[in-house]
PDBML (XML) file of the C-alpha atoms, coordinates in Angstrom:
<?xml version="1.0" encoding="UTF-8" ?>
<PDBx:datablock datablockName="MODEL"
   xmlns:PDBx="http://pdbml.pdb.org/schema/pdbx-v50.xsd"
   xmlns:xsi="http://www.w3.org/2001/XMLSchema-instance"
   xsi:schemaLocation="http://pdbml.pdb.org/schema/pdbx-v50.xsd pdbx-v50.xsd">
   <PDBx:atom_siteCategory>
      <PDBx:atom_site id="1">
         <PDBx:B_iso_or_equiv>0.00</PDBx:B_iso_or_equiv>
         <PDBx:Cartn_x>0.046</PDBx:Cartn_x>
         <PDBx:Cartn_y>3.613</PDBx:Cartn_y>
         <PDBx:Cartn_z>14.280</PDBx:Cartn_z>
         <PDBx:auth_asym_id>A</PDBx:auth_asym_id>
         <PDBx:auth_atom_id>CA</PDBx:auth_atom_id>
         <PDBx:auth_comp_id>SER</PDBx:auth_comp_id>
         <PDBx:auth_seq_id>1</PDBx:auth_seq_id>
         <PDBx:group_PDB>ATOM</PDBx:group_PDB>
         <PDBx:label_alt_id xsi:nil="true" />
         <PDBx:label_asym_id>A</PDBx:label_asym_id>
         <PDBx:label_atom_id>CA</PDBx:label_atom_id>
         <PDBx:label_comp_id>SER</PDBx:label_comp_id>
         <PDBx:label_entity_id>1</PDBx:label_entity_id>
         <PDBx:label_seq_id>1</PDBx:label_seq_id>
         <PDBx:occupancy>1.00</PDBx:occupancy>
         <PDBx:pdbx_PDB_model_num>1</PDBx:pdbx_PDB_model_num>
         <PDBx:type_symbol>C</PDBx:type_symbol>
      </PDBx:atom_site>
      <PDBx:atom_site id="2">
         <PDBx:B_iso_or_equiv>0.00</PDBx:B_iso_or_equiv>
         <PDBx:Cartn_x>-0.222</PDBx:Cartn_x>
         <PDBx:Cartn_y>3.196</PDBx:Cartn_y>
         <PDBx:Cartn_z>10.514</PDBx:Cartn_z>
         <PDBx:auth_asym_id>A</PDBx:auth_asym_id>
         <PDBx:auth_atom_id>CA</PDBx:auth_atom_id>
         <PDBx:auth_comp_id>LYS</PDBx:auth_comp_id>
         <PDBx:auth_seq_id>2</PDBx:auth_seq_id>
         <PDBx:group_PDB>ATOM</PDBx:group_PDB>
         <PDBx:label_alt_id xsi:nil="true" />
         <PDBx:label_asym_id>A</PDBx:label_asym_id>
         <PDBx:label_atom_id>CA</PDBx:label_atom_id>
         <PDBx:label_comp_id>LYS</PDBx:label_comp_id>
         <PDBx:label_entity_id>1</PDBx:label_entity_id>
         <PDBx:label_seq_id>2</PDBx:label_seq_id>
         <PDBx:occupancy>1.00</PDBx:occupancy>
         <PDBx:pdbx_PDB_model_num>1</PDBx:pdbx_PDB_model_num>
         <PDBx:type_symbol>C</PDBx:type_symbol>
      </PDBx:atom_site>
      <PDBx:atom_site id="3">
         <PDBx:B_iso_or_equiv>0.00</PDBx:B_iso_or_equiv>
         <PDBx:Cartn_x>0.895</PDBx:Cartn_x>
         <PDBx:Cartn_y>5.935</PDBx:Cartn_y>
         <PDBx:Cartn_z>8.130</PDBx:Cartn_z>
         <PDBx:auth_asym_id>A</PDBx:auth_asym_id>
         <PDBx:auth_atom_id>CA</PDBx:auth_atom_id>
         <PDBx:auth_comp_id>PRO</PDBx:auth_comp_id>
         <PDBx:auth_seq_id>3</PDBx:auth_seq_id>
         <PDBx:group_PDB>ATOM</PDBx:group_PDB>
         <PDBx:label_alt_id xsi:nil="true" />
         <PDBx:label_asym_id>A</PDBx:label_asym_id>
         <PDBx:label_atom_id>CA</PDBx:label_atom_id>
         <PDBx:label_comp_id>PRO</PDBx:label_comp_id>
         <PDBx:label_entity_id>1</PDBx:label_entity_id>
         <PDBx:label_seq_id>3</PDBx:label_seq_id>
         <PDBx:occupancy>1.00</PDBx:occupancy>
         <PDBx:pdbx_PDB_model_num>1</PDBx:pdbx_PDB_model_num>
         <PDBx:type_symbol>C</PDBx:type_symbol>
      </PDBx:atom_site>
      <PDBx:atom_site id="4">
         <PDBx:B_iso_or_equiv>0.00</PDBx:B_iso_or_equiv>
         <PDBx:Cartn_x>-1.930</PDBx:Cartn_x>
         <PDBx:Cartn_y>7.927</PDBx:Cartn_y>
         <PDBx:Cartn_z>6.543</PDBx:Cartn_z>
         <PDBx:auth_asym_id>A</PDBx:auth_asym_id>
         <PDBx:auth_atom_id>CA</PDBx:auth_atom_id>
         <PDBx:auth_comp_id>THR</PDBx:auth_comp_id>
         <PDBx:auth_seq_id>4</PDBx:auth_seq_id>
         <PDBx:group_PDB>ATOM</PDBx:group_PDB>
         <PDBx:label_alt_id xsi:nil="true" />
         <PDBx:label_asym_id>A</PDBx:label_asym_id>
         <PDBx:label_atom_id>CA</PDBx:label_atom_id>
         <PDBx:label_comp_id>THR</PDBx:label_comp_id>
         <PDBx:label_entity_id>1</PDBx:label_entity_id>
         <PDBx:label_seq_id>4</PDBx:label_seq_id>
         <PDBx:occupancy>1.00</PDBx:occupancy>
         <PDBx:pdbx_PDB_model_num>1</PDBx:pdbx_PDB_model_num>
         <PDBx:type_symbol>C</PDBx:type_symbol>
      </PDBx:atom_site>
      <PDBx:atom_site id="5">
         <PDBx:B_iso_or_equiv>0.00</PDBx:B_iso_or_equiv>
         <PDBx:Cartn_x>-2.965</PDBx:Cartn_x>
         <PDBx:Cartn_y>7.849</PDBx:Cartn_y>
         <PDBx:Cartn_z>2.890</PDBx:Cartn_z>
         <PDBx:auth_asym_id>A</PDBx:auth_asym_id>
         <PDBx:auth_atom_id>CA</PDBx:auth_atom_id>
         <PDBx:auth_comp_id>ALA</PDBx:auth_comp_id>
         <PDBx:auth_seq_id>5</PDBx:auth_seq_id>
         <PDBx:group_PDB>ATOM</PDBx:group_PDB>
         <PDBx:label_alt_id xsi:nil="true" />
         <PDBx:label_asym_id>A</PDBx:label_asym_id>
         <PDBx:label_atom_id>CA</PDBx:label_atom_id>
         <PDBx:label_comp_id>ALA</PDBx:label_comp_id>
         <PDBx:label_entity_id>1</PDBx:label_entity_id>
         <PDBx:label_seq_id>5</PDBx:label_seq_id>
         <PDBx:occupancy>1.00</PDBx:occupancy>
         <PDBx:pdbx_PDB_model_num>1</PDBx:pdbx_PDB_model_num>
         <PDBx:type_symbol>C</PDBx:type_symbol>
      </PDBx:atom_site>
      <PDBx:atom_site id="6">
         <PDBx:B_iso_or_equiv>0.00</PDBx:B_iso_or_equiv>
         <PDBx:Cartn_x>-5.204</PDBx:Cartn_x>
         <PDBx:Cartn_y>9.587</PDBx:Cartn_y>
         <PDBx:Cartn_z>0.397</PDBx:Cartn_z>
         <PDBx:auth_asym_id>A</PDBx:auth_asym_id>
         <PDBx:auth_atom_id>CA</PDBx:auth_atom_id>
         <PDBx:auth_comp_id>ALA</PDBx:auth_comp_id>
         <PDBx:auth_seq_id>6</PDBx:auth_seq_id>
         <PDBx:group_PDB>ATOM</PDBx:group_PDB>
         <PDBx:label_alt_id xsi:nil="true" />
         <PDBx:label_asym_id>A</PDBx:label_asym_id>
         <PDBx:label_atom_id>CA</PDBx:label_atom_id>
         <PDBx:label_comp_id>ALA</PDBx:label_comp_id>
         <PDBx:label_entity_id>1</PDBx:label_entity_id>
         <PDBx:label_seq_id>6</PDBx:label_seq_id>
         <PDBx:occupancy>1.00</PDBx:occupancy>
         <PDBx:pdbx_PDB_model_num>1</PDBx:pdbx_PDB_model_num>
         <PDBx:type_symbol>C</PDBx:type_symbol>
      </PDBx:atom_site>
      <PDBx:atom_site id="7">
         <PDBx:B_iso_or_equiv>0.00</PDBx:B_iso_or_equiv>
         <PDBx:Cartn_x>-6.515</PDBx:Cartn_x>
         <PDBx:Cartn_y>7.612</PDBx:Cartn_y>
         <PDBx:Cartn_z>-2.594</PDBx:Cartn_z>
         <PDBx:auth_asym_id>A</PDBx:auth_asym_id>
         <PDBx:auth_atom_id>CA</PDBx:auth_atom_id>
         <PDBx:auth_comp_id>ILE</PDBx:auth_comp_id>
         <PDBx:auth_seq_id>7</PDBx:auth_seq_id>
         <PDBx:group_PDB>ATOM</PDBx:group_PDB>
         <PDBx:label_alt_id xsi:nil="true" />
         <PDBx:label_asym_id>A</PDBx:label_asym_id>
         <PDBx:label_atom_id>CA</PDBx:label_atom_id>
         <PDBx:label_comp_id>ILE</PDBx:label_comp_id>
         <PDBx:label_entity_id>1</PDBx:label_entity_id>
         <PDBx:label_seq_id>7</PDBx:label_seq_id>
         <PDBx:occupancy>1.00</PDBx:occupancy>
         <PDBx:pdbx_PDB_model_num>1</PDBx:pdbx_PDB_model_num>
         <PDBx:type_symbol>C</PDBx:type_symbol>
      </PDBx:atom_site>
      <PDBx:atom_site id="8">
         <PDBx:B_iso_or_equiv>0.00</PDBx:B_iso_or_equiv>
         <PDBx:Cartn_x>-7.357</PDBx:Cartn_x>
         <PDBx:Cartn_y>9.008</PDBx:Cartn_y>
         <PDBx:Cartn_z>-6.023</PDBx:Cartn_z>
         <PDBx:auth_asym_id>A</PDBx:auth_asym_id>
         <PDBx:auth_atom_id>CA</PDBx:auth_atom_id>
         <PDBx:auth_comp_id>PHE</PDBx:auth_comp_id>
         <PDBx:auth_seq_id>8</PDBx:auth_seq_id>
         <PDBx:group_PDB>ATOM</PDBx:group_PDB>
         <PDBx:label_alt_id xsi:nil="true" />
         <PDBx:label_asym_id>A</PDBx:label_asym_id>
         <PDBx:label_atom_id>CA</PDBx:label_atom_id>
         <PDBx:label_comp_id>PHE</PDBx:label_comp_id>
         <PDBx:label_entity_id>1</PDBx:label_entity_id>
         <PDBx:label_seq_id>8</PDBx:label_seq_id>
         <PDBx:occupancy>1.00</PDBx:occupancy>
         <PDBx:pdbx_PDB_model_num>1</PDBx:pdbx_PDB_model_num>
         <PDBx:type_symbol>C</PDBx:type_symbol>
      </PDBx:atom_site>
      <PDBx:atom_site id="9">
         <PDBx:B_iso_or_equiv>0.00</PDBx:B_iso_or_equiv>
         <PDBx:Cartn_x>-8.974</PDBx:Cartn_x>
         <PDBx:Cartn_y>6.705</PDBx:Cartn_y>
         <PDBx:Cartn_z>-8.617</PDBx:Cartn_z>
         <PDBx:auth_asym_id>A</PDBx:auth_asym_id>
         <PDBx:auth_atom_id>CA</PDBx:auth_atom_id>
         <PDBx:auth_comp_id>VAL</PDBx:auth_comp_id>
         <PDBx:auth_seq_id>9</PDBx:auth_seq_id>
         <PDBx:group_PDB>ATOM</PDBx:group_PDB>
         <PDBx:label_alt_id xsi:nil="true" />
         <PDBx:label_asym_id>A</PDBx:label_asym_id>
         <PDBx:label_atom_id>CA</PDBx:label_atom_id>
         <PDBx:label_comp_id>VAL</PDBx:label_comp_id>
         <PDBx:label_entity_id>1</PDBx:label_entity_id>
         <PDBx:label_seq_id>9</PDBx:label_seq_id>
         <PDBx:occupancy>1.00</PDBx:occupancy>
         <PDBx:pdbx_PDB_model_num>1</PDBx:pdbx_PDB_model_num>
         <PDBx:type_symbol>C</PDBx:type_symbol>
      </PDBx:atom_site>
      <PDBx:atom_site id="10">
         <PDBx:B_iso_or_equiv>0.00</PDBx:B_iso_or_equiv>
         <PDBx:Cartn_x>-9.206</PDBx:Cartn_x>
         <PDBx:Cartn_y>7.580</PDBx:Cartn_y>
         <PDBx:Cartn_z>-12.307</PDBx:Cartn_z>
         <PDBx:auth_asym_id>A</PDBx:auth_asym_id>
         <PDBx:auth_atom_id>CA</PDBx:auth_atom_id>
         <PDBx:auth_comp_id>ASP</PDBx:auth_comp_id>
         <PDBx:auth_seq_id>10</PDBx:auth_seq_id>
         <PDBx:group_PDB>ATOM</PDBx:group_PDB>
         <PDBx:label_alt_id xsi:nil="true" />
         <PDBx:label_asym_id>A</PDBx:label_asym_id>
         <PDBx:label_atom_id>CA</PDBx:label_atom_id>
         <PDBx:label_comp_id>ASP</PDBx:label_comp_id>
         <PDBx:label_entity_id>1</PDBx:label_entity_id>
         <PDBx:label_seq_id>10</PDBx:label_seq_id>
         <PDBx:occupancy>1.00</PDBx:occupancy>
         <PDBx:pdbx_PDB_model_num>1</PDBx:pdbx_PDB_model_num>
         <PDBx:type_symbol>C</PDBx:type_symbol>
      </PDBx:atom_site>
      <PDBx:atom_site id="11">
         <PDBx:B_iso_or_equiv>0.00</PDBx:B_iso_or_equiv>
         <PDBx:Cartn_x>-12.195</PDBx:Cartn_x>
         <PDBx:Cartn_y>5.240</PDBx:Cartn_y>
         <PDBx:Cartn_z>-12.746</PDBx:Cartn_z>
         <PDBx:auth_asym_id>A</PDBx:auth_asym_id>
         <PDBx:auth_atom_id>CA</PDBx:auth_atom_id>
         <PDBx:auth_comp_id>VAL</PDBx:auth_comp_id>
         <PDBx:auth_seq_id>11</PDBx:auth_seq_id>
         <PDBx:group_PDB>ATOM</PDBx:group_PDB>
         <PDBx:label_alt_id xsi:nil="true" />
         <PDBx:label_asym_id>A</PDBx:label_asym_id>
         <PDBx:label_atom_id>CA</PDBx:label_atom_id>
         <PDBx:label_comp_id>VAL</PDBx:label_comp_id>
         <PDBx:label_entity_id>1</PDBx:label_entity_id>
         <PDBx:label_seq_id>11</PDBx:label_seq_id>
         <PDBx:occupancy>1.00</PDBx:occupancy>
         <PDBx:pdbx_PDB_model_num>1</PDBx:pdbx_PDB_model_num>
         <PDBx:type_symbol>C</PDBx:type_symbol>
      </PDBx:atom_site>
      <PDBx:atom_site id="12">
         <PDBx:B_iso_or_equiv>0.00</PDBx:B_iso_or_equiv>
         <PDBx:Cartn_x>-12.340</PDBx:Cartn_x>
         <PDBx:Cartn_y>5.312</PDBx:Cartn_y>
         <PDBx:Cartn_z>-16.556</PDBx:Cartn_z>
         <PDBx:auth_asym_id>A</PDBx:auth_asym_id>
         <PDBx:auth_atom_id>CA</PDBx:auth_atom_id>
         <PDBx:auth_comp_id>GLN</PDBx:auth_comp_id>
         <PDBx:auth_seq_id>12</PDBx:auth_seq_id>
         <PDBx:group_PDB>ATOM</PDBx:group_PDB>
         <PDBx:label_alt_id xsi:nil="true" />
         <PDBx:label_asym_id>A</PDBx:label_asym_id>
         <PDBx:label_atom_id>CA</PDBx:label_atom_id>
         <PDBx:label_comp_id>GLN</PDBx:label_comp_id>
         <PDBx:label_entity_id>1</PDBx:label_entity_id>
         <PDBx:label_seq_id>12</PDBx:label_seq_id>
         <PDBx:occupancy>1.00</PDBx:occupancy>
         <PDBx:pdbx_PDB_model_num>1</PDBx:pdbx_PDB_model_num>
         <PDBx:type_symbol>C</PDBx:type_symbol>
      </PDBx:atom_site>
      <PDBx:atom_site id="13">
         <PDBx:B_iso_or_equiv>0.00</PDBx:B_iso_or_equiv>
         <PDBx:Cartn_x>-8.612</PDBx:Cartn_x>
         <PDBx:Cartn_y>4.698</PDBx:Cartn_y>
         <PDBx:Cartn_z>-16.910</PDBx:Cartn_z>
         <PDBx:auth_asym_id>A</PDBx:auth_asym_id>
         <PDBx:auth_atom_id>CA</PDBx:auth_atom_id>
         <PDBx:auth_comp_id>ASN</PDBx:auth_comp_id>
         <PDBx:auth_seq_id>13</PDBx:auth_seq_id>
         <PDBx:group_PDB>ATOM</PDBx:group_PDB>
         <PDBx:label_alt_id xsi:nil="true" />
         <PDBx:label_asym_id>A</PDBx:label_asym_id>
         <PDBx:label_atom_id>CA</PDBx:label_atom_id>
         <PDBx:label_comp_id>ASN</PDBx:label_comp_id>
         <PDBx:label_entity_id>1</PDBx:label_entity_id>
         <PDBx:label_seq_id>13</PDBx:label_seq_id>
         <PDBx:occupancy>1.00</PDBx:occupancy>
         <PDBx:pdbx_PDB_model_num>1</PDBx:pdbx_PDB_model_num>
         <PDBx:type_symbol>C</PDBx:type_symbol>
      </PDBx:atom_site>
      <PDBx:atom_site id="14">
         <PDBx:B_iso_or_equiv>0.00</PDBx:B_iso_or_equiv>
         <PDBx:Cartn_x>-8.684</PDBx:Cartn_x>
         <PDBx:Cartn_y>1.735</PDBx:Cartn_y>
         <PDBx:Cartn_z>-14.518</PDBx:Cartn_z>
         <PDBx:auth_asym_id>A</PDBx:auth_asym_id>
         <PDBx:auth_atom_id>CA</PDBx:auth_atom_id>
         <PDBx:auth_comp_id>ILE</PDBx:auth_comp_id>
         <PDBx:auth_seq_id>14</PDBx:auth_seq_id>
         <PDBx:group_PDB>ATOM</PDBx:group_PDB>
         <PDBx:label_alt_id xsi:nil="true" />
         <PDBx:label_asym_id>A</PDBx:label_asym_id>
         <PDBx:label_atom_id>CA</PDBx:label_atom_id>
         <PDBx:label_comp_id>ILE</PDBx:label_comp_id>
         <PDBx:label_entity_id>1</PDBx:label_entity_id>
         <PDBx:label_seq_id>14</PDBx:label_seq_id>
         <PDBx:occupancy>1.00</PDBx:occupancy>
         <PDBx:pdbx_PDB_model_num>1</PDBx:pdbx_PDB_model_num>
         <PDBx:type_symbol>C</PDBx:type_symbol>
      </PDBx:atom_site>
      <PDBx:atom_site id="15">
         <PDBx:B_iso_or_equiv>0.00</PDBx:B_iso_or_equiv>
         <PDBx:Cartn_x>-11.800</PDBx:Cartn_x>
         <PDBx:Cartn_y>0.279</PDBx:Cartn_y>
         <PDBx:Cartn_z>-16.150</PDBx:Cartn_z>
         <PDBx:auth_asym_id>A</PDBx:auth_asym_id>
         <PDBx:auth_atom_id>CA</PDBx:auth_atom_id>
         <PDBx:auth_comp_id>TYR</PDBx:auth_comp_id>
         <PDBx:auth_seq_id>15</PDBx:auth_seq_id>
         <PDBx:group_PDB>ATOM</PDBx:group_PDB>
         <PDBx:label_alt_id xsi:nil="true" />
         <PDBx:label_asym_id>A</PDBx:label_asym_id>
         <PDBx:label_atom_id>CA</PDBx:label_atom_id>
         <PDBx:label_comp_id>TYR</PDBx:label_comp_id>
         <PDBx:label_entity_id>1</PDBx:label_entity_id>
         <PDBx:label_seq_id>15</PDBx:label_seq_id>
         <PDBx:occupancy>1.00</PDBx:occupancy>
         <PDBx:pdbx_PDB_model_num>1</PDBx:pdbx_PDB_model_num>
         <PDBx:type_symbol>C</PDBx:type_symbol>
      </PDBx:atom_site>
      <PDBx:atom_site id="16">
         <PDBx:B_iso_or_equiv>0.00</PDBx:B_iso_or_equiv>
         <PDBx:Cartn_x>-10.434</PDBx:Cartn_x>
         <PDBx:Cartn_y>0.402</PDBx:Cartn_y>
         <PDBx:Cartn_z>-19.696</PDBx:Cartn_z>
         <PDBx:auth_asym_id>A</PDBx:auth_asym_id>
         <PDBx:auth_atom_id>CA</PDBx:auth_atom_id>
         <PDBx:auth_comp_id>TYR</PDBx:auth_comp_id>
         <PDBx:auth_seq_id>16</PDBx:auth_seq_id>
         <PDBx:group_PDB>ATOM</PDBx:group_PDB>
         <PDBx:label_alt_id xsi:nil="true" />
         <PDBx:label_asym_id>A</PDBx:label_asym_id>
         <PDBx:label_atom_id>CA</PDBx:label_atom_id>
         <PDBx:label_comp_id>TYR</PDBx:label_comp_id>
         <PDBx:label_entity_id>1</PDBx:label_entity_id>
         <PDBx:label_seq_id>16</PDBx:label_seq_id>
         <PDBx:occupancy>1.00</PDBx:occupancy>
         <PDBx:pdbx_PDB_model_num>1</PDBx:pdbx_PDB_model_num>
         <PDBx:type_symbol>C</PDBx:type_symbol>
      </PDBx:atom_site>
      <PDBx:atom_site id="17">
         <PDBx:B_iso_or_equiv>0.00</PDBx:B_iso_or_equiv>
         <PDBx:Cartn_x>-6.866</PDBx:Cartn_x>
         <PDBx:Cartn_y>-0.674</PDBx:Cartn_y>
         <PDBx:Cartn_z>-18.897</PDBx:Cartn_z>
         <PDBx:auth_asym_id>A</PDBx:auth_asym_id>
         <PDBx:auth_atom_id>CA</PDBx:auth_atom_id>
         <PDBx:auth_comp_id>THR</PDBx:auth_comp_id>
         <PDBx:auth_seq_id>17</PDBx:auth_seq_id>
         <PDBx:group_PDB>ATOM</PDBx:group_PDB>
         <PDBx:label_alt_id xsi:nil="true" />
         <PDBx:label_asym_id>A</PDBx:label_asym_id>
         <PDBx:label_atom_id>CA</PDBx:label_atom_id>
         <PDBx:label_comp_id>THR</PDBx:label_comp_id>
         <PDBx:label_entity_id>1</PDBx:label_entity_id>
         <PDBx:label_seq_id>17</PDBx:label_seq_id>
         <PDBx:occupancy>1.00</PDBx:occupancy>
         <PDBx:pdbx_PDB_model_num>1</PDBx:pdbx_PDB_model_num>
         <PDBx:type_symbol>C</PDBx:type_symbol>
      </PDBx:atom_site>
      <PDBx:atom_site id="18">
         <PDBx:B_iso_or_equiv>0.00</PDBx:B_iso_or_equiv>
         <PDBx:Cartn_x>-8.061</PDBx:Cartn_x>
         <PDBx:Cartn_y>-3.667</PDBx:Cartn_y>
         <PDBx:Cartn_z>-16.832</PDBx:Cartn_z>
         <PDBx:auth_asym_id>A</PDBx:auth_asym_id>
         <PDBx:auth_atom_id>CA</PDBx:auth_atom_id>
         <PDBx:auth_comp_id>CYS</PDBx:auth_comp_id>
         <PDBx:auth_seq_id>18</PDBx:auth_seq_id>
         <PDBx:group_PDB>ATOM</PDBx:group_PDB>
         <PDBx:label_alt_id xsi:nil="true" />
         <PDBx:label_asym_id>A</PDBx:label_asym_id>
         <PDBx:label_atom_id>CA</PDBx:label_atom_id>
         <PDBx:label_comp_id>CYS</PDBx:label_comp_id>
         <PDBx:label_entity_id>1</PDBx:label_entity_id>
         <PDBx:label_seq_id>18</PDBx:label_seq_id>
         <PDBx:occupancy>1.00</PDBx:occupancy>
         <PDBx:pdbx_PDB_model_num>1</PDBx:pdbx_PDB_model_num>
         <PDBx:type_symbol>C</PDBx:type_symbol>
      </PDBx:atom_site>
      <PDBx:atom_site id="19">
         <PDBx:B_iso_or_equiv>0.00</PDBx:B_iso_or_equiv>
         <PDBx:Cartn_x>-10.469</PDBx:Cartn_x>
         <PDBx:Cartn_y>-4.671</PDBx:Cartn_y>
         <PDBx:Cartn_z>-19.608</PDBx:Cartn_z>
         <PDBx:auth_asym_id>A</PDBx:auth_asym_id>
         <PDBx:auth_atom_id>CA</PDBx:auth_atom_id>
         <PDBx:auth_comp_id>ARG</PDBx:auth_comp_id>
         <PDBx:auth_seq_id>19</PDBx:auth_seq_id>
         <PDBx:group_PDB>ATOM</PDBx:group_PDB>
         <PDBx:label_alt_id xsi:nil="true" />
         <PDBx:label_asym_id>A</PDBx:label_asym_id>
         <PDBx:label_atom_id>CA</PDBx:label_atom_id>
         <PDBx:label_comp_id>ARG</PDBx:label_comp_id>
         <PDBx:label_entity_id>1</PDBx:label_entity_id>
         <PDBx:label_seq_id>19</PDBx:label_seq_id>
         <PDBx:occupancy>1.00</PDBx:occupancy>
         <PDBx:pdbx_PDB_model_num>1</PDBx:pdbx_PDB_model_num>
         <PDBx:type_symbol>C</PDBx:type_symbol>
      </PDBx:atom_site>
      <PDBx:atom_site id="20">
         <PDBx:B_iso_or_equiv>0.00</PDBx:B_iso_or_equiv>
         <PDBx:Cartn_x>-7.743</PDBx:Cartn_x>
         <PDBx:Cartn_y>-4.377</PDBx:Cartn_y>
         <PDBx:Cartn_z>-22.248</PDBx:Cartn_z>
         <PDBx:auth_asym_id>A</PDBx:auth_asym_id>
         <PDBx:auth_atom_id>CA</PDBx:auth_atom_id>
         <PDBx:auth_comp_id>GLU</PDBx:auth_comp_id>
         <PDBx:auth_seq_id>20</PDBx:auth_seq_id>
         <PDBx:group_PDB>ATOM</PDBx:group_PDB>
         <PDBx:label_alt_id xsi:nil="true" />
         <PDBx:label_asym_id>A</PDBx:label_asym_id>
         <PDBx:label_atom_id>CA</PDBx:label_atom_id>
         <PDBx:label_comp_id>GLU</PDBx:label_comp_id>
         <PDBx:label_entity_id>1</PDBx:label_entity_id>
         <PDBx:label_seq_id>20</PDBx:label_seq_id>
         <PDBx:occupancy>1.00</PDBx:occupancy>
         <PDBx:pdbx_PDB_model_num>1</PDBx:pdbx_PDB_model_num>
         <PDBx:type_symbol>C</PDBx:type_symbol>
      </PDBx:atom_site>
      <PDBx:atom_site id="21">
         <PDBx:B_iso_or_equiv>0.00</PDBx:B_iso_or_equiv>
         <PDBx:Cartn_x>-4.922</PDBx:Cartn_x>
         <PDBx:Cartn_y>-5.969</PDBx:Cartn_y>
         <PDBx:Cartn_z>-20.240</PDBx:Cartn_z>
         <PDBx:auth_asym_id>A</PDBx:auth_asym_id>
         <PDBx:auth_atom_id>CA</PDBx:auth_atom_id>
         <PDBx:auth_comp_id>SER</PDBx:auth_comp_id>
         <PDBx:auth_seq_id>21</PDBx:auth_seq_id>
         <PDBx:group_PDB>ATOM</PDBx:group_PDB>
         <PDBx:label_alt_id xsi:nil="true" />
         <PDBx:label_asym_id>A</PDBx:label_asym_id>
         <PDBx:label_atom_id>CA</PDBx:label_atom_id>
         <PDBx:label_comp_id>SER</PDBx:label_comp_id>
         <PDBx:label_entity_id>1</PDBx:label_entity_id>
         <PDBx:label_seq_id>21</PDBx:label_seq_id>
         <PDBx:occupancy>1.00</PDBx:occupancy>
         <PDBx:pdbx_PDB_model_num>1</PDBx:pdbx_PDB_model_num>
         <PDBx:type_symbol>C</PDBx:type_symbol>
      </PDBx:atom_site>
      <PDBx:atom_site id="22">
         <PDBx:B_iso_or_equiv>0.00</PDBx:B_iso_or_equiv>
         <PDBx:Cartn_x>-6.792</PDBx:Cartn_x>
         <PDBx:Cartn_y>-8.694</PDBx:Cartn_y>
         <PDBx:Cartn_z>-18.389</PDBx:Cartn_z>
         <PDBx:auth_asym_id>A</PDBx:auth_asym_id>
         <PDBx:auth_atom_id>CA</PDBx:auth_atom_id>
         <PDBx:auth_comp_id>HIS</PDBx:auth_comp_id>
         <PDBx:auth_seq_id>22</PDBx:auth_seq_id>
         <PDBx:group_PDB>ATOM</PDBx:group_PDB>
         <PDBx:label_alt_id xsi:nil="true" />
         <PDBx:label_asym_id>A</PDBx:label_asym_id>
         <PDBx:label_atom_id>CA</PDBx:label_atom_id>
         <PDBx:label_comp_id>HIS</PDBx:label_comp_id>
         <PDBx:label_entity_id>1</PDBx:label_entity_id>
         <PDBx:label_seq_id>22</PDBx:label_seq_id>
         <PDBx:occupancy>1.00</PDBx:occupancy>
         <PDBx:pdbx_PDB_model_num>1</PDBx:pdbx_PDB_model_num>
         <PDBx:type_symbol>C</PDBx:type_symbol>
      </PDBx:atom_site>
      <PDBx:atom_site id="23">
         <PDBx:B_iso_or_equiv>0.00</PDBx:B_iso_or_equiv>
         <PDBx:Cartn_x>-10.322</PDBx:Cartn_x>
         <PDBx:Cartn_y>-8.896</PDBx:Cartn_y>
         <PDBx:Cartn_z>-19.889</PDBx:Cartn_z>
         <PDBx:auth_asym_id>A</PDBx:auth_asym_id>
         <PDBx:auth_atom_id>CA</PDBx:auth_atom_id>
         <PDBx:auth_comp_id>ARG</PDBx:auth_comp_id>
         <PDBx:auth_seq_id>23</PDBx:auth_seq_id>
         <PDBx:group_PDB>ATOM</PDBx:group_PDB>
         <PDBx:label_alt_id xsi:nil="true" />
         <PDBx:label_asym_id>A</PDBx:label_asym_id>
         <PDBx:label_atom_id>CA</PDBx:label_atom_id>
         <PDBx:label_comp_id>ARG</PDBx:label_comp_id>
         <PDBx:label_entity_id>1</PDBx:label_entity_id>
         <PDBx:label_seq_id>23</PDBx:label_seq_id>
         <PDBx:occupancy>1.00</PDBx:occupancy>
         <PDBx:pdbx_PDB_model_num>1</PDBx:pdbx_PDB_model_num>
         <PDBx:type_symbol>C</PDBx:type_symbol>
      </PDBx:atom_site>
      <PDBx:atom_site id="24">
         <PDBx:B_iso_or_equiv>0.00</PDBx:B_iso_or_equiv>
         <PDBx:Cartn_x>-11.568</PDBx:Cartn_x>
         <PDBx:Cartn_y>-8.481</PDBx:Cartn_y>
         <PDBx:Cartn_z>-16.313</PDBx:Cartn_z>
         <PDBx:auth_asym_id>A</PDBx:auth_asym_id>
         <PDBx:auth_atom_id>CA</PDBx:auth_atom_id>
         <PDBx:auth_comp_id>ARG</PDBx:auth_comp_id>
         <PDBx:auth_seq_id>24</PDBx:auth_seq_id>
         <PDBx:group_PDB>ATOM</PDBx:group_PDB>
         <PDBx:label_alt_id xsi:nil="true" />
         <PDBx:label_asym_id>A</PDBx:label_asym_id>
         <PDBx:label_atom_id>CA</PDBx:label_atom_id>
         <PDBx:label_comp_id>ARG</PDBx:label_comp_id>
         <PDBx:label_entity_id>1</PDBx:label_entity_id>
         <PDBx:label_seq_id>24</PDBx:label_seq_id>
         <PDBx:occupancy>1.00</PDBx:occupancy>
         <PDBx:pdbx_PDB_model_num>1</PDBx:pdbx_PDB_model_num>
         <PDBx:type_symbol>C</PDBx:type_symbol>
      </PDBx:atom_site>
      <PDBx:atom_site id="25">
         <PDBx:B_iso_or_equiv>0.00</PDBx:B_iso_or_equiv>
         <PDBx:Cartn_x>-12.782</PDBx:Cartn_x>
         <PDBx:Cartn_y>-5.773</PDBx:Cartn_y>
         <PDBx:Cartn_z>-13.967</PDBx:Cartn_z>
         <PDBx:auth_asym_id>A</PDBx:auth_asym_id>
         <PDBx:auth_atom_id>CA</PDBx:auth_atom_id>
         <PDBx:auth_comp_id>ASN</PDBx:auth_comp_id>
         <PDBx:auth_seq_id>25</PDBx:auth_seq_id>
         <PDBx:group_PDB>ATOM</PDBx:group_PDB>
         <PDBx:label_alt_id xsi:nil="true" />
         <PDBx:label_asym_id>A</PDBx:label_asym_id>
         <PDBx:label_atom_id>CA</PDBx:label_atom_id>
         <PDBx:label_comp_id>ASN</PDBx:label_comp_id>
         <PDBx:label_entity_id>1</PDBx:label_entity_id>
         <PDBx:label_seq_id>25</PDBx:label_seq_id>
         <PDBx:occupancy>1.00</PDBx:occupancy>
         <PDBx:pdbx_PDB_model_num>1</PDBx:pdbx_PDB_model_num>
         <PDBx:type_symbol>C</PDBx:type_symbol>
      </PDBx:atom_site>
   </PDBx:atom_siteCategory>
</PDBx:datablock>
C-alpha cells in the first residue's frame, strides 16, 4: 500500500560531502 520509489546514489558526491561536513561516512 506504500507509494513506489526509485533511488539514485551519486556515491562519490555522498562520500566526499559527508566526510567534509561531518567527518563521518
